[in-house]
């Protein structure tokens, strides 16, 4: 059964979703696709251990302290979305990728060509922001584009990580 919790961050309140064993969602309140796929009237359960682990990770991240292990993650999505989210999870702190670069990385994994636009769509539907770092993906020219949490948050996160492209 899916339950909800909340967390605080310097960039706004965060909605958490979990299934009792894993984190299934993490969205900034008001972001695009917030709570996508959640059952109507999902109950709250703030004390879920996976939520405590997510909050601990977030506190360390925003305090620039060594990160504890991520809680178990279980994002729901298509096979293609899952492949994109796995590539996002491999982007190290302080580094960036482009949508086109991710598309090229995925081709040998998927065994077929894919487009930057398709990757961008999957990145935008990432249900576990921050822990699956979709904010680390930029346009081909380093332009800040497409972040469901808003471009101001994306810019703040990249500044926080020291990876904001020059001139942005």
N, C-alpha and C. Protein backbone atom coordinates (compact mmCIF):
# COMPACT_ATOMS: atom_id res chain seq x y z
N UNK A 1 0.84 -1.18 0.00
CA UNK A 1 0.00 0.00 0.00
C UNK A 1 0.88 1.25 0.00
N UNK A 2 0.56 2.18 -0.83
CA UNK A 2 1.31 3.43 -0.91
C UNK A 2 0.84 4.38 0.17
N UNK A 3 1.83 5.05 0.81
CA UNK A 3 1.54 6.08 1.81
C UNK A 3 2.39 7.30 1.51
N UNK A 4 1.98 8.43 2.09
CA UNK A 4 2.65 9.70 1.85
C UNK A 4 3.34 10.21 3.10
N UNK A 5 4.36 10.98 2.89
CA UNK A 5 5.05 11.69 3.95
C UNK A 5 5.55 13.01 3.39
N UNK A 6 6.21 13.78 4.24
CA UNK A 6 6.73 15.08 3.82
C UNK A 6 8.14 15.27 4.34
N UNK A 7 8.87 16.16 3.68
CA UNK A 7 10.21 16.54 4.10
C UNK A 7 10.38 18.02 3.80
N UNK A 8 11.27 18.65 4.53
CA UNK A 8 11.58 20.05 4.29
C UNK A 8 12.90 20.15 3.55
N UNK A 9 13.05 21.21 2.77
CA UNK A 9 14.32 21.48 2.10
C UNK A 9 14.46 22.99 1.95
N UNK A 10 15.66 23.47 1.71
CA UNK A 10 15.84 24.90 1.46
C UNK A 10 15.12 25.38 0.20
N UNK A 11 14.73 24.47 -0.65
CA UNK A 11 14.05 24.83 -1.90
C UNK A 11 12.55 24.58 -1.86
N UNK A 12 12.02 24.28 -0.68
CA UNK A 12 10.60 24.08 -0.54
C UNK A 12 10.24 22.73 0.03
N UNK A 13 8.96 22.62 0.39
CA UNK A 13 8.47 21.38 0.97
C UNK A 13 8.45 20.27 -0.08
N UNK A 14 8.69 19.06 0.39
CA UNK A 14 8.78 17.89 -0.49
C UNK A 14 7.73 16.87 -0.08
N UNK A 15 7.07 16.29 -1.08
CA UNK A 15 6.12 15.20 -0.89
C UNK A 15 6.86 13.89 -1.14
N UNK A 16 6.73 12.97 -0.21
CA UNK A 16 7.33 11.64 -0.32
C UNK A 16 6.23 10.61 -0.52
N UNK A 17 6.51 9.57 -1.27
CA UNK A 17 5.59 8.44 -1.40
C UNK A 17 6.41 7.17 -1.22
N UNK A 18 5.83 6.19 -0.56
CA UNK A 18 6.52 4.93 -0.34
C UNK A 18 5.55 3.78 -0.26
N UNK A 19 6.09 2.58 -0.43
CA UNK A 19 5.25 1.38 -0.40
C UNK A 19 5.51 0.53 0.85
N UNK A 20 6.21 1.11 1.82
CA UNK A 20 6.54 0.37 3.03
C UNK A 20 7.96 -0.16 3.02
N UNK A 21 8.49 -0.43 1.84
CA UNK A 21 9.85 -0.95 1.70
C UNK A 21 10.76 -0.01 0.93
N UNK A 22 10.19 0.74 0.00
CA UNK A 22 11.00 1.58 -0.88
C UNK A 22 10.32 2.93 -1.09
N UNK A 23 11.13 3.90 -1.47
CA UNK A 23 10.63 5.21 -1.85
C UNK A 23 10.13 5.09 -3.28
N UNK A 24 8.90 5.51 -3.52
CA UNK A 24 8.32 5.43 -4.86
C UNK A 24 8.10 6.80 -5.47
N UNK A 25 8.25 7.86 -4.65
CA UNK A 25 8.07 9.20 -5.16
C UNK A 25 8.71 10.23 -4.27
N UNK A 26 9.22 11.30 -4.89
CA UNK A 26 9.76 12.45 -4.18
C UNK A 26 9.60 13.64 -5.12
N UNK A 27 8.71 14.54 -4.74
CA UNK A 27 8.41 15.71 -5.57
C UNK A 27 8.42 16.96 -4.72
N UNK A 28 8.87 18.08 -5.29
CA UNK A 28 8.65 19.37 -4.65
C UNK A 28 7.17 19.67 -4.77
N UNK A 29 6.57 20.20 -3.70
CA UNK A 29 5.15 20.54 -3.77
C UNK A 29 4.94 21.55 -4.89
N UNK A 30 3.95 21.29 -5.71
CA UNK A 30 3.60 22.18 -6.80
C UNK A 30 4.34 21.92 -8.10
N UNK A 31 5.28 20.98 -8.11
CA UNK A 31 6.00 20.74 -9.35
C UNK A 31 5.12 19.99 -10.35
N UNK A 32 5.50 20.06 -11.61
CA UNK A 32 4.79 19.34 -12.64
C UNK A 32 4.85 17.85 -12.34
N UNK A 33 3.80 17.15 -12.53
CA UNK A 33 3.65 15.70 -12.30
C UNK A 33 3.71 15.32 -10.82
N UNK A 34 3.58 16.29 -9.93
CA UNK A 34 3.58 15.97 -8.49
C UNK A 34 2.54 14.90 -8.19
N UNK A 35 2.97 13.83 -7.57
CA UNK A 35 2.07 12.76 -7.16
C UNK A 35 1.51 11.95 -8.31
N UNK A 36 2.10 12.07 -9.51
CA UNK A 36 1.58 11.32 -10.66
C UNK A 36 1.54 9.83 -10.35
N UNK A 37 0.41 9.22 -10.62
CA UNK A 37 0.25 7.79 -10.42
C UNK A 37 -0.17 7.38 -9.01
N UNK A 38 -0.25 8.34 -8.10
CA UNK A 38 -0.67 7.98 -6.74
C UNK A 38 -2.17 7.72 -6.70
N UNK A 39 -2.57 6.73 -5.93
CA UNK A 39 -4.01 6.50 -5.77
C UNK A 39 -4.68 7.70 -5.09
N UNK A 40 -5.91 7.94 -5.45
CA UNK A 40 -6.68 9.01 -4.82
C UNK A 40 -6.82 8.70 -3.33
N UNK A 41 -6.76 9.73 -2.51
CA UNK A 41 -6.88 9.61 -1.05
C UNK A 41 -5.81 8.72 -0.44
N UNK A 42 -4.59 8.83 -0.95
CA UNK A 42 -3.47 8.07 -0.39
C UNK A 42 -3.26 8.52 1.05
N UNK A 43 -3.19 7.59 2.00
CA UNK A 43 -3.05 7.99 3.41
C UNK A 43 -1.63 8.49 3.72
N UNK A 44 -1.54 9.28 4.78
CA UNK A 44 -0.24 9.77 5.26
C UNK A 44 0.28 8.84 6.34
N UNK A 45 1.61 8.65 6.34
CA UNK A 45 2.28 7.87 7.37
C UNK A 45 3.70 8.42 7.48
N UNK A 46 3.84 9.50 8.24
CA UNK A 46 5.10 10.24 8.31
C UNK A 46 6.25 9.42 8.90
N UNK A 47 5.98 8.38 9.67
CA UNK A 47 7.03 7.67 10.39
C UNK A 47 7.58 6.44 9.66
N UNK A 48 7.26 6.28 8.42
CA UNK A 48 7.76 5.15 7.65
C UNK A 48 9.30 5.19 7.63
N UNK A 49 9.98 4.09 7.95
CA UNK A 49 11.44 4.09 7.97
C UNK A 49 12.09 4.56 6.66
N UNK A 50 11.50 4.23 5.52
CA UNK A 50 12.08 4.68 4.25
C UNK A 50 11.97 6.20 4.14
N UNK A 51 10.95 6.81 4.73
CA UNK A 51 10.86 8.27 4.74
C UNK A 51 11.93 8.86 5.65
N UNK A 52 12.18 8.23 6.79
CA UNK A 52 13.25 8.70 7.68
C UNK A 52 14.59 8.65 6.95
N UNK A 53 14.83 7.59 6.19
CA UNK A 53 16.08 7.46 5.44
C UNK A 53 16.17 8.53 4.35
N UNK A 54 15.06 8.81 3.67
CA UNK A 54 15.05 9.86 2.64
C UNK A 54 15.31 11.22 3.27
N UNK A 55 14.68 11.50 4.40
CA UNK A 55 14.91 12.77 5.09
C UNK A 55 16.38 12.91 5.52
N UNK A 56 16.97 11.83 6.01
CA UNK A 56 18.38 11.87 6.42
C UNK A 56 19.27 12.16 5.21
N UNK A 57 18.97 11.54 4.09
CA UNK A 57 19.73 11.79 2.86
C UNK A 57 19.60 13.25 2.44
N UNK A 58 18.37 13.77 2.45
CA UNK A 58 18.13 15.16 2.06
C UNK A 58 18.85 16.13 2.99
N UNK A 59 18.79 15.89 4.30
CA UNK A 59 19.49 16.76 5.25
C UNK A 59 20.99 16.79 4.95
N UNK A 60 21.58 15.64 4.71
CA UNK A 60 23.01 15.57 4.41
C UNK A 60 23.32 16.26 3.08
N UNK A 61 22.51 16.03 2.08
CA UNK A 61 22.71 16.65 0.77
C UNK A 61 22.72 18.16 0.90
N UNK A 62 21.70 18.72 1.53
CA UNK A 62 21.60 20.17 1.63
C UNK A 62 22.57 20.77 2.63
N UNK A 63 23.14 19.97 3.50
CA UNK A 63 24.17 20.44 4.44
C UNK A 63 25.58 20.21 3.89
N UNK A 64 25.67 19.67 2.68
CA UNK A 64 26.95 19.32 2.05
C UNK A 64 27.79 18.41 2.92
N UNK A 65 27.13 17.49 3.56
CA UNK A 65 27.81 16.48 4.38
C UNK A 65 27.88 15.18 3.58
N UNK A 66 28.74 14.26 4.00
CA UNK A 66 28.77 12.96 3.30
C UNK A 66 27.38 12.33 3.28
N UNK A 67 27.03 11.83 2.13
CA UNK A 67 25.68 11.28 1.96
C UNK A 67 25.58 9.88 2.52
N UNK A 68 24.53 9.64 3.29
CA UNK A 68 24.27 8.26 3.71
C UNK A 68 23.79 7.46 2.49
N UNK A 69 23.71 6.16 2.60
CA UNK A 69 23.16 5.39 1.47
C UNK A 69 21.75 5.87 1.16
N UNK A 70 21.44 5.83 -0.12
CA UNK A 70 20.07 6.17 -0.52
C UNK A 70 19.13 5.10 0.01
N UNK A 71 17.91 5.49 0.35
CA UNK A 71 16.93 4.46 0.71
C UNK A 71 16.62 3.63 -0.54
N UNK A 72 16.05 2.46 -0.38
CA UNK A 72 15.64 1.70 -1.56
C UNK A 72 14.68 2.54 -2.42
N UNK A 73 14.88 2.50 -3.72
CA UNK A 73 14.05 3.27 -4.65
C UNK A 73 13.28 2.32 -5.54
N UNK A 74 12.02 2.64 -5.78
CA UNK A 74 11.19 1.82 -6.67
C UNK A 74 10.30 2.74 -7.52
N UNK A 75 10.91 3.42 -8.50
CA UNK A 75 10.09 4.28 -9.36
C UNK A 75 9.28 3.45 -10.35
N UNK A 76 8.04 3.80 -10.53
CA UNK A 76 7.18 3.08 -11.48
C UNK A 76 7.26 3.78 -12.84
N UNK A 77 7.52 3.00 -13.88
CA UNK A 77 7.59 3.57 -15.21
C UNK A 77 7.77 2.49 -16.25
N UNK A 78 7.78 2.93 -17.50
CA UNK A 78 7.98 2.01 -18.61
C UNK A 78 9.42 1.49 -18.62
N UNK A 79 9.66 0.49 -19.43
CA UNK A 79 11.03 -0.04 -19.56
C UNK A 79 11.99 1.06 -20.02
N UNK A 80 11.55 1.88 -20.97
CA UNK A 80 12.38 2.98 -21.46
C UNK A 80 12.65 3.99 -20.34
N UNK A 81 11.61 4.39 -19.62
CA UNK A 81 11.80 5.33 -18.52
C UNK A 81 12.77 4.76 -17.48
N UNK A 82 12.61 3.49 -17.16
CA UNK A 82 13.50 2.85 -16.18
C UNK A 82 14.96 2.92 -16.66
N UNK A 83 15.19 2.69 -17.94
CA UNK A 83 16.55 2.75 -18.47
C UNK A 83 17.11 4.16 -18.35
N UNK A 84 16.29 5.15 -18.67
CA UNK A 84 16.73 6.55 -18.55
C UNK A 84 17.04 6.87 -17.09
N UNK A 85 16.16 6.48 -16.18
CA UNK A 85 16.36 6.80 -14.75
C UNK A 85 17.60 6.10 -14.20
N UNK A 86 17.92 4.92 -14.70
CA UNK A 86 19.15 4.24 -14.28
C UNK A 86 20.37 5.04 -14.73
N UNK A 87 20.33 5.58 -15.95
CA UNK A 87 21.44 6.41 -16.44
C UNK A 87 21.54 7.69 -15.61
N UNK A 88 20.40 8.28 -15.25
CA UNK A 88 20.43 9.49 -14.41
C UNK A 88 21.10 9.19 -13.08
N UNK A 89 20.79 8.04 -12.51
CA UNK A 89 21.34 7.66 -11.21
C UNK A 89 22.86 7.50 -11.26
N UNK A 90 23.40 7.31 -12.44
CA UNK A 90 24.85 7.12 -12.59
C UNK A 90 25.59 8.45 -12.77
N UNK A 91 24.87 9.57 -12.86
CA UNK A 91 25.54 10.87 -13.03
C UNK A 91 26.07 11.30 -11.66
N UNK A 92 27.38 11.45 -11.53
CA UNK A 92 27.95 11.82 -10.23
C UNK A 92 27.60 13.24 -9.81
N UNK A 93 27.61 13.46 -8.52
CA UNK A 93 27.43 14.78 -7.93
C UNK A 93 28.40 15.76 -8.60
N UNK A 94 27.88 16.93 -8.98
CA UNK A 94 28.74 17.95 -9.56
C UNK A 94 29.02 17.79 -11.03
N UNK A 95 28.44 16.77 -11.67
CA UNK A 95 28.65 16.58 -13.10
C UNK A 95 27.34 16.72 -13.85
N UNK A 96 27.44 16.99 -15.14
CA UNK A 96 26.27 17.19 -15.98
C UNK A 96 26.30 16.22 -17.16
N UNK A 97 25.14 15.98 -17.72
CA UNK A 97 24.99 15.26 -18.98
C UNK A 97 24.00 16.07 -19.82
N UNK A 98 24.03 15.81 -21.12
CA UNK A 98 23.05 16.42 -22.00
C UNK A 98 22.00 15.38 -22.37
N UNK A 99 20.85 15.84 -22.82
CA UNK A 99 19.80 14.92 -23.25
C UNK A 99 20.31 14.08 -24.42
N UNK A 100 21.02 14.72 -25.37
CA UNK A 100 21.56 13.98 -26.50
C UNK A 100 22.63 12.98 -26.08
N UNK A 101 23.46 13.37 -25.11
CA UNK A 101 24.48 12.47 -24.59
C UNK A 101 23.86 11.25 -23.94
N UNK A 102 22.80 11.46 -23.18
CA UNK A 102 22.10 10.32 -22.56
C UNK A 102 21.49 9.42 -23.62
N UNK A 103 20.93 10.03 -24.66
CA UNK A 103 20.34 9.23 -25.75
C UNK A 103 21.42 8.34 -26.37
N UNK A 104 22.61 8.90 -26.58
CA UNK A 104 23.70 8.11 -27.17
C UNK A 104 24.15 7.00 -26.21
N UNK A 105 24.19 7.28 -24.90
CA UNK A 105 24.56 6.26 -23.92
C UNK A 105 23.54 5.12 -23.89
N UNK A 106 22.29 5.44 -24.15
CA UNK A 106 21.22 4.44 -24.07
C UNK A 106 21.15 3.52 -25.28
N UNK A 107 21.63 3.97 -26.43
CA UNK A 107 21.49 3.19 -27.66
C UNK A 107 22.05 1.77 -27.53
N UNK A 108 23.29 1.59 -27.02
CA UNK A 108 23.77 0.21 -26.91
C UNK A 108 23.03 -0.59 -25.83
N UNK A 109 22.53 0.08 -24.84
CA UNK A 109 21.78 -0.60 -23.77
C UNK A 109 20.43 -1.08 -24.30
N UNK A 110 19.77 -0.21 -25.06
CA UNK A 110 18.44 -0.53 -25.58
C UNK A 110 18.50 -1.32 -26.89
N UNK A 111 19.63 -1.24 -27.57
CA UNK A 111 19.76 -1.93 -28.86
C UNK A 111 19.01 -1.23 -29.98
N UNK A 112 18.77 0.06 -29.81
CA UNK A 112 18.08 0.85 -30.84
C UNK A 112 18.38 2.32 -30.63
N UNK A 113 18.18 3.08 -31.67
CA UNK A 113 18.38 4.53 -31.58
C UNK A 113 17.26 5.15 -30.76
N UNK A 114 17.61 6.21 -30.08
CA UNK A 114 16.60 6.97 -29.35
C UNK A 114 16.94 8.44 -29.50
N UNK A 115 15.99 9.29 -29.26
CA UNK A 115 16.20 10.72 -29.46
C UNK A 115 16.37 11.46 -28.14
N UNK A 116 17.00 12.61 -28.24
CA UNK A 116 17.14 13.48 -27.07
C UNK A 116 15.75 13.87 -26.55
N UNK A 117 14.82 14.05 -27.45
CA UNK A 117 13.46 14.43 -27.06
C UNK A 117 12.79 13.33 -26.24
N UNK A 118 12.95 12.08 -26.65
CA UNK A 118 12.37 10.95 -25.90
C UNK A 118 13.02 10.85 -24.52
N UNK A 119 14.34 11.05 -24.48
CA UNK A 119 15.04 11.03 -23.20
C UNK A 119 14.51 12.17 -22.32
N UNK A 120 14.34 13.35 -22.90
CA UNK A 120 13.83 14.49 -22.15
C UNK A 120 12.46 14.23 -21.56
N UNK A 121 11.61 13.55 -22.30
CA UNK A 121 10.29 13.21 -21.80
C UNK A 121 10.38 12.28 -20.59
N UNK A 122 11.26 11.28 -20.68
CA UNK A 122 11.44 10.35 -19.55
C UNK A 122 12.07 11.05 -18.36
N UNK A 123 13.04 11.92 -18.61
CA UNK A 123 13.67 12.68 -17.52
C UNK A 123 12.61 13.51 -16.80
N UNK A 124 11.74 14.16 -17.57
CA UNK A 124 10.69 14.99 -16.98
C UNK A 124 9.69 14.22 -16.14
N UNK A 125 9.54 12.94 -16.41
CA UNK A 125 8.60 12.10 -15.67
C UNK A 125 9.25 11.36 -14.50
N UNK A 126 10.51 11.67 -14.21
CA UNK A 126 11.20 11.04 -13.09
C UNK A 126 10.39 11.26 -11.81
N UNK A 127 9.93 10.19 -11.15
CA UNK A 127 9.09 10.36 -9.96
C UNK A 127 9.88 10.53 -8.66
N UNK A 128 11.22 10.45 -8.72
CA UNK A 128 12.00 10.53 -7.47
C UNK A 128 13.09 11.58 -7.67
N UNK A 129 12.68 12.85 -7.65
CA UNK A 129 13.62 13.95 -7.82
C UNK A 129 14.73 13.89 -6.79
N UNK A 130 15.84 14.50 -7.13
CA UNK A 130 17.04 14.61 -6.29
C UNK A 130 17.76 13.28 -6.12
N UNK A 131 17.08 12.25 -5.62
CA UNK A 131 17.73 10.96 -5.44
C UNK A 131 18.02 10.29 -6.78
N UNK A 132 17.17 10.54 -7.75
CA UNK A 132 17.45 10.20 -9.15
C UNK A 132 17.66 11.58 -9.79
N UNK A 133 18.92 11.99 -9.95
CA UNK A 133 19.25 13.40 -10.20
C UNK A 133 18.97 13.91 -11.61
N UNK A 134 17.72 14.11 -11.92
CA UNK A 134 17.33 14.61 -13.24
C UNK A 134 17.76 16.07 -13.44
N UNK A 135 18.03 16.78 -12.35
CA UNK A 135 18.47 18.17 -12.47
C UNK A 135 19.86 18.29 -13.09
N UNK A 136 20.59 17.20 -13.21
CA UNK A 136 21.95 17.21 -13.76
C UNK A 136 21.98 17.07 -15.28
N UNK A 137 20.82 17.19 -15.93
CA UNK A 137 20.74 17.07 -17.38
C UNK A 137 20.41 18.44 -17.96
N UNK A 138 21.22 18.84 -18.94
CA UNK A 138 21.07 20.16 -19.57
C UNK A 138 20.96 19.99 -21.08
N UNK A 139 20.62 21.09 -21.74
CA UNK A 139 20.55 21.08 -23.20
C UNK A 139 21.93 20.93 -23.81
N UNK A 140 21.99 20.64 -25.09
CA UNK A 140 23.24 20.39 -25.78
C UNK A 140 24.23 21.54 -25.70
N UNK A 141 23.75 22.75 -25.58
CA UNK A 141 24.64 23.91 -25.49
C UNK A 141 24.85 24.36 -24.04
N UNK A 142 24.49 23.49 -23.10
CA UNK A 142 24.63 23.84 -21.68
C UNK A 142 23.47 24.63 -21.13
N UNK A 143 22.45 24.84 -21.96
CA UNK A 143 21.29 25.61 -21.55
C UNK A 143 20.47 24.85 -20.52
N UNK A 144 19.99 25.57 -19.50
CA UNK A 144 19.12 24.96 -18.51
C UNK A 144 17.73 24.83 -19.10
N UNK A 145 17.31 23.61 -19.32
CA UNK A 145 15.99 23.36 -19.90
C UNK A 145 15.29 22.29 -19.09
N UNK A 146 13.99 22.31 -19.13
CA UNK A 146 13.16 21.24 -18.64
C UNK A 146 13.45 20.65 -17.29
N UNK A 147 12.91 21.23 -16.25
CA UNK A 147 12.96 20.61 -14.93
C UNK A 147 11.57 20.73 -14.33
N UNK A 148 10.97 19.58 -14.00
CA UNK A 148 9.59 19.57 -13.50
C UNK A 148 9.45 20.40 -12.23
N UNK A 149 10.53 20.52 -11.46
CA UNK A 149 10.50 21.33 -10.23
C UNK A 149 10.67 22.81 -10.49
N UNK A 150 10.87 23.20 -11.75
CA UNK A 150 11.05 24.60 -12.12
C UNK A 150 12.52 24.92 -12.36
N UNK A 151 12.75 25.79 -13.34
CA UNK A 151 14.12 26.12 -13.71
C UNK A 151 14.87 26.84 -12.58
N UNK A 152 14.17 27.62 -11.77
CA UNK A 152 14.84 28.29 -10.65
C UNK A 152 15.40 27.25 -9.67
N UNK A 153 14.66 26.19 -9.41
CA UNK A 153 15.17 25.13 -8.54
C UNK A 153 16.34 24.40 -9.19
N UNK A 154 16.22 24.12 -10.49
CA UNK A 154 17.30 23.44 -11.19
C UNK A 154 18.58 24.28 -11.10
N UNK A 155 18.46 25.56 -11.35
CA UNK A 155 19.62 26.44 -11.25
C UNK A 155 20.20 26.43 -9.84
N UNK A 156 19.33 26.50 -8.83
CA UNK A 156 19.80 26.48 -7.43
C UNK A 156 20.51 25.17 -7.11
N UNK A 157 19.98 24.06 -7.57
CA UNK A 157 20.60 22.75 -7.31
C UNK A 157 21.97 22.65 -7.98
N UNK A 158 22.07 23.11 -9.22
CA UNK A 158 23.34 23.05 -9.93
C UNK A 158 24.37 23.99 -9.29
N UNK A 159 23.93 25.15 -8.85
CA UNK A 159 24.83 26.05 -8.12
C UNK A 159 25.30 25.36 -6.84
N UNK A 160 24.37 24.73 -6.13
CA UNK A 160 24.68 24.03 -4.88
C UNK A 160 25.74 22.96 -5.10
N UNK A 161 25.64 22.26 -6.23
CA UNK A 161 26.58 21.19 -6.54
C UNK A 161 27.85 21.70 -7.24
N UNK A 162 27.88 23.00 -7.54
CA UNK A 162 29.05 23.57 -8.20
C UNK A 162 29.17 23.19 -9.66
N UNK A 163 28.03 22.91 -10.31
CA UNK A 163 28.08 22.47 -11.70
C UNK A 163 27.25 23.33 -12.64
N UNK A 164 26.87 24.53 -12.21
CA UNK A 164 26.08 25.40 -13.08
C UNK A 164 26.95 25.81 -14.27
N UNK A 165 26.46 25.58 -15.50
CA UNK A 165 27.26 25.96 -16.67
C UNK A 165 27.59 27.47 -16.65
N UNK A 166 28.77 27.80 -17.13
CA UNK A 166 29.20 29.20 -17.14
C UNK A 166 28.22 30.05 -17.92
N UNK A 167 28.02 31.27 -17.44
CA UNK A 167 27.13 32.20 -18.10
C UNK A 167 25.66 31.99 -17.80
N UNK A 168 25.35 31.06 -16.91
CA UNK A 168 23.94 30.79 -16.58
C UNK A 168 23.56 31.48 -15.29
